[in-house]
Amino acid sequence: MSDGDDLKDFTNNFLEHYGVRGMRWGVTNTIRSVSKSKPKKKTTGDHRKSREIQRQRTPQLTNRQLELANKRLNLERNFNRLNPGRITRGQAAVAGILGTLGVATSAYNMSNSPAGRAAIRRGRQMMGQAQRGQQSLF
């Protein structure tokens, strides 16, 4: 074989990359081109108008504009209070669990204190006497 044949074999076994610099394997261009930020939600004219009014300083507003802004804020606040979202429901569930854990922790700490151990000991004595029929609990 000549040197030219060796060169041909080398070029046939050569792997060449035709991708874009910085491109990730397995990610197509359609997926990469999609923006990572969430699409903006459409807002109503009333909402936009109230936000524009809120950006202004109070002395610059008319009574009508203040009334519109306050009415919108009150409506939003009432709606959010009456329709709790998933996060608010989750927060309530966590608060309930933590409250239960707090009671359990305080009972455990009480049972390990000297007064708690004495109460447990006295309770066992009373239960033992009641079971033997010598004395009732009440």
N, C-alpha and C. Protein backbone atom coordinates (compact mmCIF):
# COMPACT_ATOMS: atom_id res chain seq x y z
N MET A 1 0.82 -1.18 0.00
CA MET A 1 0.00 0.00 0.00
C MET A 1 0.87 1.25 0.00
N SER A 2 0.38 2.25 -0.61
CA SER A 2 1.12 3.50 -0.65
C SER A 2 0.62 4.41 0.46
N ASP A 3 1.32 5.52 0.61
CA ASP A 3 0.92 6.47 1.66
C ASP A 3 -0.45 7.08 1.38
N GLY A 4 -0.85 7.17 0.12
CA GLY A 4 -2.15 7.72 -0.24
C GLY A 4 -3.29 6.83 0.22
N ASP A 5 -3.08 5.48 0.14
CA ASP A 5 -4.11 4.56 0.60
C ASP A 5 -4.30 4.65 2.11
N ASP A 6 -3.20 4.83 2.86
CA ASP A 6 -3.30 4.99 4.31
C ASP A 6 -4.09 6.24 4.67
N LEU A 7 -3.87 7.28 3.90
CA LEU A 7 -4.57 8.53 4.16
C LEU A 7 -6.08 8.39 3.90
N LYS A 8 -6.46 7.62 2.84
CA LYS A 8 -7.86 7.39 2.53
C LYS A 8 -8.54 6.61 3.66
N ASP A 9 -7.89 5.56 4.17
CA ASP A 9 -8.47 4.79 5.26
C ASP A 9 -8.66 5.66 6.50
N PHE A 10 -7.72 6.53 6.76
CA PHE A 10 -7.79 7.40 7.93
C PHE A 10 -8.98 8.35 7.81
N THR A 11 -9.20 8.92 6.65
CA THR A 11 -10.30 9.86 6.47
C THR A 11 -11.65 9.15 6.48
N ASN A 12 -11.71 7.89 6.07
CA ASN A 12 -12.98 7.16 6.11
C ASN A 12 -13.38 6.80 7.54
N ASN A 13 -12.42 6.65 8.44
CA ASN A 13 -12.70 6.29 9.82
C ASN A 13 -12.76 7.51 10.74
N PHE A 14 -12.83 8.68 10.18
CA PHE A 14 -12.80 9.90 10.96
C PHE A 14 -14.22 10.37 11.25
N LEU A 15 -14.51 10.69 12.49
CA LEU A 15 -15.83 11.17 12.89
C LEU A 15 -15.81 12.69 12.90
N GLU A 16 -16.75 13.27 12.20
CA GLU A 16 -16.79 14.72 12.12
C GLU A 16 -18.10 15.20 12.75
N HIS A 17 -18.06 16.31 13.44
CA HIS A 17 -19.23 16.85 14.13
C HIS A 17 -19.79 18.00 13.31
N TYR A 18 -21.08 17.94 12.97
CA TYR A 18 -21.71 18.98 12.17
C TYR A 18 -22.69 19.81 13.01
N GLY A 19 -22.58 19.81 14.32
CA GLY A 19 -23.52 20.52 15.17
C GLY A 19 -23.18 21.97 15.34
N VAL A 20 -23.96 22.63 16.15
CA VAL A 20 -23.77 24.03 16.48
C VAL A 20 -22.97 24.10 17.76
N ARG A 21 -22.04 25.03 17.84
CA ARG A 21 -21.21 25.16 19.04
C ARG A 21 -22.10 25.44 20.26
N GLY A 22 -21.90 24.67 21.30
CA GLY A 22 -22.70 24.83 22.52
C GLY A 22 -23.99 24.04 22.49
N MET A 23 -24.25 23.33 21.41
CA MET A 23 -25.48 22.55 21.30
C MET A 23 -25.40 21.32 22.20
N ARG A 24 -26.48 20.97 22.83
CA ARG A 24 -26.53 19.80 23.70
C ARG A 24 -26.99 18.60 22.90
N TRP A 25 -26.43 17.44 23.23
CA TRP A 25 -26.81 16.22 22.53
C TRP A 25 -28.24 15.86 22.89
N GLY A 26 -29.02 15.46 21.90
CA GLY A 26 -30.38 15.01 22.12
C GLY A 26 -31.40 16.13 22.23
N VAL A 27 -30.97 17.38 22.09
CA VAL A 27 -31.89 18.50 22.17
C VAL A 27 -32.06 19.06 20.77
N THR A 28 -33.28 19.07 20.29
CA THR A 28 -33.50 19.56 18.93
C THR A 28 -33.65 21.07 18.95
N ASN A 29 -33.53 21.66 17.79
CA ASN A 29 -33.60 23.12 17.70
C ASN A 29 -34.96 23.65 18.10
N THR A 30 -36.02 22.90 17.85
CA THR A 30 -37.35 23.40 18.22
C THR A 30 -37.47 23.52 19.73
N ILE A 31 -36.89 22.59 20.46
CA ILE A 31 -36.95 22.66 21.91
C ILE A 31 -36.05 23.78 22.42
N ARG A 32 -34.88 23.94 21.83
CA ARG A 32 -33.94 24.97 22.28
C ARG A 32 -34.46 26.37 21.99
N SER A 33 -35.23 26.52 20.92
CA SER A 33 -35.68 27.85 20.54
C SER A 33 -36.81 28.35 21.42
N VAL A 34 -37.49 27.45 22.12
CA VAL A 34 -38.58 27.86 22.99
C VAL A 34 -38.00 28.59 24.19
N SER A 35 -38.58 29.71 24.52
CA SER A 35 -38.11 30.50 25.65
C SER A 35 -38.34 29.75 26.95
N LYS A 36 -37.41 29.86 27.88
CA LYS A 36 -37.54 29.18 29.16
C LYS A 36 -38.51 29.90 30.09
N SER A 37 -38.78 31.18 29.83
CA SER A 37 -39.70 31.90 30.69
C SER A 37 -41.13 31.54 30.32
N LYS A 38 -42.01 31.67 31.29
CA LYS A 38 -43.41 31.34 31.07
C LYS A 38 -44.04 32.41 30.19
N PRO A 39 -44.99 32.03 29.37
CA PRO A 39 -45.66 33.04 28.55
C PRO A 39 -46.48 33.96 29.45
N LYS A 40 -46.55 35.21 29.05
CA LYS A 40 -47.29 36.18 29.85
C LYS A 40 -48.78 35.88 29.76
N LYS A 41 -49.43 35.98 30.91
CA LYS A 41 -50.86 35.78 30.93
C LYS A 41 -51.54 37.08 30.52
N LYS A 42 -52.66 36.95 29.84
CA LYS A 42 -53.39 38.13 29.39
C LYS A 42 -54.08 38.77 30.58
N THR A 43 -54.05 40.08 30.63
CA THR A 43 -54.71 40.81 31.70
C THR A 43 -55.85 41.62 31.11
N THR A 44 -56.79 41.96 31.94
CA THR A 44 -57.94 42.74 31.48
C THR A 44 -57.59 44.22 31.50
N GLY A 45 -58.43 44.99 30.86
CA GLY A 45 -58.23 46.43 30.83
C GLY A 45 -58.35 47.05 32.20
N ASP A 46 -59.28 46.53 33.02
CA ASP A 46 -59.45 47.05 34.38
C ASP A 46 -58.19 46.85 35.20
N HIS A 47 -57.60 45.69 35.07
CA HIS A 47 -56.38 45.39 35.83
C HIS A 47 -55.24 46.32 35.40
N ARG A 48 -55.06 46.46 34.10
CA ARG A 48 -53.99 47.34 33.60
C ARG A 48 -54.21 48.77 34.05
N LYS A 49 -55.46 49.22 33.98
CA LYS A 49 -55.78 50.59 34.36
C LYS A 49 -55.49 50.83 35.84
N SER A 50 -55.85 49.86 36.70
CA SER A 50 -55.61 50.03 38.13
C SER A 50 -54.12 50.02 38.45
N ARG A 51 -53.34 49.21 37.73
CA ARG A 51 -51.89 49.18 37.96
C ARG A 51 -51.23 50.49 37.51
N GLU A 52 -51.72 51.06 36.41
CA GLU A 52 -51.19 52.36 35.97
C GLU A 52 -51.50 53.44 36.99
N ILE A 53 -52.69 53.39 37.57
CA ILE A 53 -53.07 54.37 38.59
C ILE A 53 -52.19 54.21 39.83
N GLN A 54 -51.90 52.97 40.22
CA GLN A 54 -51.11 52.72 41.42
C GLN A 54 -49.67 53.18 41.27
N ARG A 55 -49.17 53.26 40.05
CA ARG A 55 -47.79 53.71 39.83
C ARG A 55 -47.64 55.21 40.06
N GLN A 56 -48.75 55.94 39.97
CA GLN A 56 -48.69 57.38 40.15
C GLN A 56 -48.69 57.74 41.62
N ARG A 57 -48.23 58.95 41.91
CA ARG A 57 -48.24 59.43 43.29
C ARG A 57 -49.63 59.87 43.66
N THR A 58 -49.98 59.74 44.92
CA THR A 58 -51.33 60.01 45.39
C THR A 58 -51.80 61.45 45.10
N PRO A 59 -50.97 62.48 45.30
CA PRO A 59 -51.46 63.84 45.02
C PRO A 59 -51.81 64.07 43.55
N GLN A 60 -51.28 63.25 42.67
CA GLN A 60 -51.53 63.42 41.24
C GLN A 60 -52.84 62.76 40.79
N LEU A 61 -53.49 62.01 41.67
CA LEU A 61 -54.68 61.24 41.30
C LEU A 61 -55.96 61.99 41.63
N THR A 62 -56.96 61.76 40.81
CA THR A 62 -58.28 62.31 41.09
C THR A 62 -59.02 61.38 42.05
N ASN A 63 -60.12 61.88 42.58
CA ASN A 63 -60.93 61.05 43.48
C ASN A 63 -61.44 59.81 42.76
N ARG A 64 -61.82 59.96 41.52
CA ARG A 64 -62.34 58.83 40.73
C ARG A 64 -61.25 57.77 40.54
N GLN A 65 -60.01 58.21 40.26
CA GLN A 65 -58.92 57.26 40.07
C GLN A 65 -58.60 56.52 41.36
N LEU A 66 -58.59 57.24 42.48
CA LEU A 66 -58.36 56.59 43.78
C LEU A 66 -59.46 55.58 44.08
N GLU A 67 -60.69 55.94 43.78
CA GLU A 67 -61.81 55.04 44.02
C GLU A 67 -61.68 53.77 43.18
N LEU A 68 -61.32 53.92 41.91
CA LEU A 68 -61.13 52.76 41.04
C LEU A 68 -60.02 51.84 41.55
N ALA A 69 -58.89 52.43 41.96
CA ALA A 69 -57.75 51.64 42.43
C ALA A 69 -58.12 50.89 43.71
N ASN A 70 -58.76 51.58 44.65
CA ASN A 70 -59.14 50.95 45.92
C ASN A 70 -60.17 49.85 45.70
N LYS A 71 -61.14 50.10 44.83
CA LYS A 71 -62.16 49.09 44.56
C LYS A 71 -61.53 47.84 43.97
N ARG A 72 -60.60 48.02 43.03
CA ARG A 72 -59.93 46.88 42.41
C ARG A 72 -59.11 46.10 43.43
N LEU A 73 -58.35 46.81 44.28
CA LEU A 73 -57.54 46.13 45.30
C LEU A 73 -58.42 45.34 46.27
N ASN A 74 -59.54 45.93 46.69
CA ASN A 74 -60.45 45.23 47.60
C ASN A 74 -61.05 43.99 46.95
N LEU A 75 -61.44 44.10 45.69
CA LEU A 75 -61.98 42.95 44.98
C LEU A 75 -60.95 41.83 44.86
N GLU A 76 -59.71 42.18 44.52
CA GLU A 76 -58.65 41.17 44.40
C GLU A 76 -58.37 40.51 45.73
N ARG A 77 -58.31 41.31 46.80
CA ARG A 77 -58.04 40.77 48.13
C ARG A 77 -59.14 39.81 48.56
N ASN A 78 -60.40 40.20 48.35
CA ASN A 78 -61.52 39.33 48.72
C ASN A 78 -61.53 38.05 47.89
N PHE A 79 -61.24 38.16 46.61
CA PHE A 79 -61.21 36.98 45.75
C PHE A 79 -60.13 36.01 46.22
N ASN A 80 -58.93 36.51 46.50
CA ASN A 80 -57.83 35.64 46.96
C ASN A 80 -58.12 35.03 48.32
N ARG A 81 -58.81 35.76 49.17
CA ARG A 81 -59.15 35.23 50.50
C ARG A 81 -60.18 34.11 50.38
N LEU A 82 -61.16 34.28 49.49
CA LEU A 82 -62.23 33.30 49.35
C LEU A 82 -61.84 32.11 48.48
N ASN A 83 -60.82 32.25 47.65
CA ASN A 83 -60.38 31.18 46.75
C ASN A 83 -58.90 30.89 47.01
N PRO A 84 -58.59 30.15 48.07
CA PRO A 84 -57.18 29.89 48.36
C PRO A 84 -56.56 29.02 47.28
N GLY A 85 -55.33 29.32 46.97
CA GLY A 85 -54.61 28.55 45.96
C GLY A 85 -54.01 27.29 46.55
N ARG A 86 -53.28 26.57 45.73
CA ARG A 86 -52.66 25.33 46.17
C ARG A 86 -51.63 25.59 47.26
N ILE A 87 -50.90 26.68 47.15
CA ILE A 87 -49.86 26.97 48.14
C ILE A 87 -50.49 27.26 49.50
N THR A 88 -51.56 28.02 49.51
CA THR A 88 -52.21 28.36 50.78
C THR A 88 -52.77 27.10 51.45
N ARG A 89 -53.36 26.20 50.66
CA ARG A 89 -53.86 24.96 51.24
C ARG A 89 -52.71 24.11 51.77
N GLY A 90 -51.59 24.10 51.07
CA GLY A 90 -50.42 23.37 51.53
C GLY A 90 -49.86 23.95 52.82
N GLN A 91 -49.85 25.29 52.89
CA GLN A 91 -49.38 25.94 54.11
C GLN A 91 -50.27 25.57 55.29
N ALA A 92 -51.59 25.50 55.08
CA ALA A 92 -52.51 25.13 56.15
C ALA A 92 -52.26 23.70 56.60
N ALA A 93 -52.01 22.80 55.64
CA ALA A 93 -51.75 21.41 55.99
C ALA A 93 -50.46 21.29 56.79
N VAL A 94 -49.43 22.00 56.38
CA VAL A 94 -48.15 21.96 57.10
C VAL A 94 -48.32 22.53 58.51
N ALA A 95 -49.08 23.61 58.63
CA ALA A 95 -49.32 24.20 59.96
C ALA A 95 -50.03 23.20 60.87
N GLY A 96 -50.99 22.45 60.34
CA GLY A 96 -51.68 21.43 61.13
C GLY A 96 -50.74 20.33 61.58
N ILE A 97 -49.89 19.88 60.67
CA ILE A 97 -48.93 18.83 61.01
C ILE A 97 -47.95 19.31 62.07
N LEU A 98 -47.45 20.55 61.90
CA LEU A 98 -46.51 21.08 62.88
C LEU A 98 -47.17 21.27 64.23
N GLY A 99 -48.44 21.65 64.25
CA GLY A 99 -49.16 21.79 65.52
C GLY A 99 -49.27 20.45 66.23
N THR A 100 -49.58 19.39 65.47
CA THR A 100 -49.66 18.05 66.05
C THR A 100 -48.30 17.61 66.57
N LEU A 101 -47.26 17.90 65.81
CA LEU A 101 -45.91 17.54 66.26
C LEU A 101 -45.53 18.31 67.52
N GLY A 102 -45.99 19.56 67.63
CA GLY A 102 -45.70 20.34 68.82
C GLY A 102 -46.31 19.73 70.07
N VAL A 103 -47.56 19.26 69.94
CA VAL A 103 -48.24 18.61 71.07
C VAL A 103 -47.53 17.31 71.43
N ALA A 104 -47.17 16.53 70.41
CA ALA A 104 -46.49 15.26 70.66
C ALA A 104 -45.13 15.49 71.31
N THR A 105 -44.42 16.51 70.85
CA THR A 105 -43.10 16.83 71.42
C THR A 105 -43.23 17.25 72.88
N SER A 106 -44.23 18.08 73.18
CA SER A 106 -44.39 18.53 74.57
C SER A 106 -44.80 17.36 75.47
N ALA A 107 -45.63 16.44 74.97
CA ALA A 107 -46.01 15.26 75.77
C ALA A 107 -44.79 14.37 76.02
N TYR A 108 -43.96 14.19 74.99
CA TYR A 108 -42.74 13.39 75.15
C TYR A 108 -41.80 14.04 76.17
N ASN A 109 -41.62 15.35 76.06
CA ASN A 109 -40.75 16.05 77.02
C ASN A 109 -41.31 15.95 78.44
N MET A 110 -42.62 16.03 78.58
CA MET A 110 -43.24 15.90 79.90
C MET A 110 -43.01 14.51 80.47
N SER A 111 -43.10 13.48 79.62
CA SER A 111 -42.93 12.11 80.12
C SER A 111 -41.49 11.85 80.55
N ASN A 112 -40.53 12.62 80.04
CA ASN A 112 -39.13 12.45 80.43
C ASN A 112 -38.72 13.33 81.59
N SER A 113 -39.59 14.22 82.03
CA SER A 113 -39.25 15.08 83.17
C SER A 113 -39.49 14.31 84.47
N PRO A 114 -38.88 14.74 85.58
CA PRO A 114 -39.10 14.06 86.86
C PRO A 114 -40.57 14.03 87.28
N ALA A 115 -41.28 15.13 87.09
CA ALA A 115 -42.71 15.17 87.46
C ALA A 115 -43.50 14.21 86.57
N GLY A 116 -43.17 14.17 85.31
CA GLY A 116 -43.86 13.27 84.39
C GLY A 116 -43.62 11.82 84.73
N ARG A 117 -42.40 11.48 85.08
CA ARG A 117 -42.09 10.10 85.45
C ARG A 117 -42.82 9.69 86.73
N ALA A 118 -42.91 10.63 87.68
CA ALA A 118 -43.63 10.33 88.93
C ALA A 118 -45.12 10.11 88.63
N ALA A 119 -45.68 10.91 87.71
CA ALA A 119 -47.10 10.75 87.36
C ALA A 119 -47.33 9.41 86.66
N ILE A 120 -46.41 9.03 85.80
CA ILE A 120 -46.53 7.74 85.11
C ILE A 120 -46.44 6.59 86.11
N ARG A 121 -45.50 6.69 87.04
CA ARG A 121 -45.33 5.67 88.06
C ARG A 121 -46.59 5.54 88.91
N ARG A 122 -47.15 6.67 89.31
CA ARG A 122 -48.37 6.66 90.14
C ARG A 122 -49.56 6.09 89.35
N GLY A 123 -49.63 6.43 88.06
CA GLY A 123 -50.69 5.89 87.22
C GLY A 123 -50.59 4.39 87.08
N ARG A 124 -49.38 3.88 86.93
CA ARG A 124 -49.19 2.43 86.83
C ARG A 124 -49.60 1.74 88.13
N GLN A 125 -49.26 2.37 89.24
CA GLN A 125 -49.64 1.80 90.53
C GLN A 125 -51.16 1.74 90.66
N MET A 126 -51.82 2.81 90.25
CA MET A 126 -53.28 2.86 90.33
C MET A 126 -53.91 1.82 89.40
N MET A 127 -53.36 1.66 88.20
CA MET A 127 -53.88 0.68 87.25
C MET A 127 -53.68 -0.74 87.79
N GLY A 128 -52.54 -0.98 88.41
CA GLY A 128 -52.27 -2.30 88.98
C GLY A 128 -53.22 -2.63 90.10
N GLN A 129 -53.53 -1.66 90.95
CA GLN A 129 -54.46 -1.89 92.05
C GLN A 129 -55.87 -2.10 91.53
N ALA A 130 -56.26 -1.38 90.48
CA ALA A 130 -57.61 -1.52 89.93
C ALA A 130 -57.77 -2.88 89.27
N GLN A 131 -56.72 -3.38 88.64
CA GLN A 131 -56.81 -4.67 87.98
C GLN A 131 -56.93 -5.80 89.01
N ARG A 132 -56.30 -5.65 90.18
CA ARG A 132 -56.38 -6.69 91.21
C ARG A 132 -57.66 -6.59 92.01
N GLY A 133 -58.45 -5.54 91.74
CA GLY A 133 -59.72 -5.38 92.45
C GLY A 133 -59.60 -4.77 93.79
N GLN A 134 -58.47 -4.24 94.19
CA GLN A 134 -58.29 -3.67 95.50
C GLN A 134 -58.88 -2.26 95.60
N GLN A 135 -58.73 -1.48 94.53
CA GLN A 135 -59.22 -0.09 94.58
C GLN A 135 -59.56 0.34 93.16
N SER A 136 -60.64 1.07 93.02
CA SER A 136 -61.01 1.56 91.68
C SER A 136 -60.30 2.89 91.43
N LEU A 137 -60.25 3.26 90.19
CA LEU A 137 -59.56 4.49 89.82
C LEU A 137 -60.33 5.72 90.27
N PHE A 138 -61.65 5.64 90.30
CA PHE A 138 -62.43 6.85 90.61
C PHE A 138 -63.15 6.70 91.91
